[in-house]
Amino acid sequence: MQSFEKLYIENTLLRVSGALFCHNPKRAASRTGLIVLNADLPEKRIIIRPDPEYG
């Protein structure tokens, strides 16, 4: 059970970092809206709110 939880946490971190990373510097500055991962699963929903002040 412990290894499954570690895998889930690692997968979640990779998805969050993938949602935040942008190759295009011009588009990266304009990505200030909410990013929702797992929108269809309320118990696993992750909402990312980029802050333009802190990057």
Protein backbone atom coordinates (compact mmCIF):
# COMPACT_ATOMS: atom_id res chain seq x y z
CA MET A 1 0.00 0.00 0.00
CA GLN A 2 2.86 2.38 0.83
CA SER A 3 4.45 2.06 -2.64
CA PHE A 4 1.09 2.73 -4.32
CA GLU A 5 0.70 5.96 -2.34
CA LYS A 6 4.25 7.05 -3.25
CA LEU A 7 3.50 6.38 -6.92
CA TYR A 8 0.26 8.38 -6.72
CA ILE A 9 2.04 11.34 -5.06
CA GLU A 10 4.85 11.26 -7.63
CA ASN A 11 2.35 11.12 -10.48
CA THR A 12 0.45 14.07 -8.99
CA LEU A 13 3.63 16.14 -8.68
CA LEU A 14 4.57 15.40 -12.27
CA ARG A 15 1.12 16.43 -13.49
CA VAL A 16 1.24 19.69 -11.50
CA SER A 17 4.71 20.58 -12.77
CA GLY A 18 3.65 19.66 -16.31
CA ALA A 19 0.64 21.95 -16.06
CA LEU A 20 2.80 24.83 -14.86
CA PHE A 21 5.66 24.44 -17.35
CA CYS A 22 5.43 26.34 -20.62
CA HIS A 23 8.05 26.33 -23.41
CA ASN A 24 6.89 29.62 -24.90
CA PRO A 25 8.01 32.64 -22.78
CA LYS A 26 5.36 34.93 -24.31
CA ARG A 27 2.52 32.53 -23.47
CA ALA A 28 3.96 31.78 -20.04
CA ALA A 29 3.47 35.40 -18.97
CA SER A 30 -0.21 35.27 -19.94
CA ARG A 31 -1.03 32.01 -18.13
CA THR A 32 -2.60 33.50 -15.03
CA GLY A 33 -5.95 31.70 -15.04
CA LEU A 34 -6.89 28.71 -12.92
CA ILE A 35 -5.52 25.33 -14.01
CA VAL A 36 -7.72 22.41 -12.93
CA LEU A 37 -6.45 18.84 -12.93
CA ASN A 38 -8.82 15.89 -12.43
CA ALA A 39 -11.85 18.15 -12.85
CA ASP A 40 -14.18 15.16 -13.18
CA LEU A 41 -13.05 13.59 -9.87
CA PRO A 42 -14.03 15.90 -6.99
CA GLU A 43 -12.07 13.92 -4.37
CA LYS A 44 -8.87 14.12 -6.48
CA ARG A 45 -9.33 17.59 -7.98
CA ILE A 46 -6.30 19.87 -7.94
CA ILE A 47 -6.68 23.58 -8.62
CA ILE A 48 -3.56 25.57 -9.44
CA ARG A 49 -3.74 29.36 -9.23
CA PRO A 50 -0.62 30.91 -10.78
CA ASP A 51 0.31 34.21 -9.15
CA PRO A 52 1.76 36.72 -11.64
CA GLU A 53 3.59 38.51 -8.85
CA TYR A 54 5.44 35.44 -7.57
CA GLY A 55 5.69 33.53 -10.86
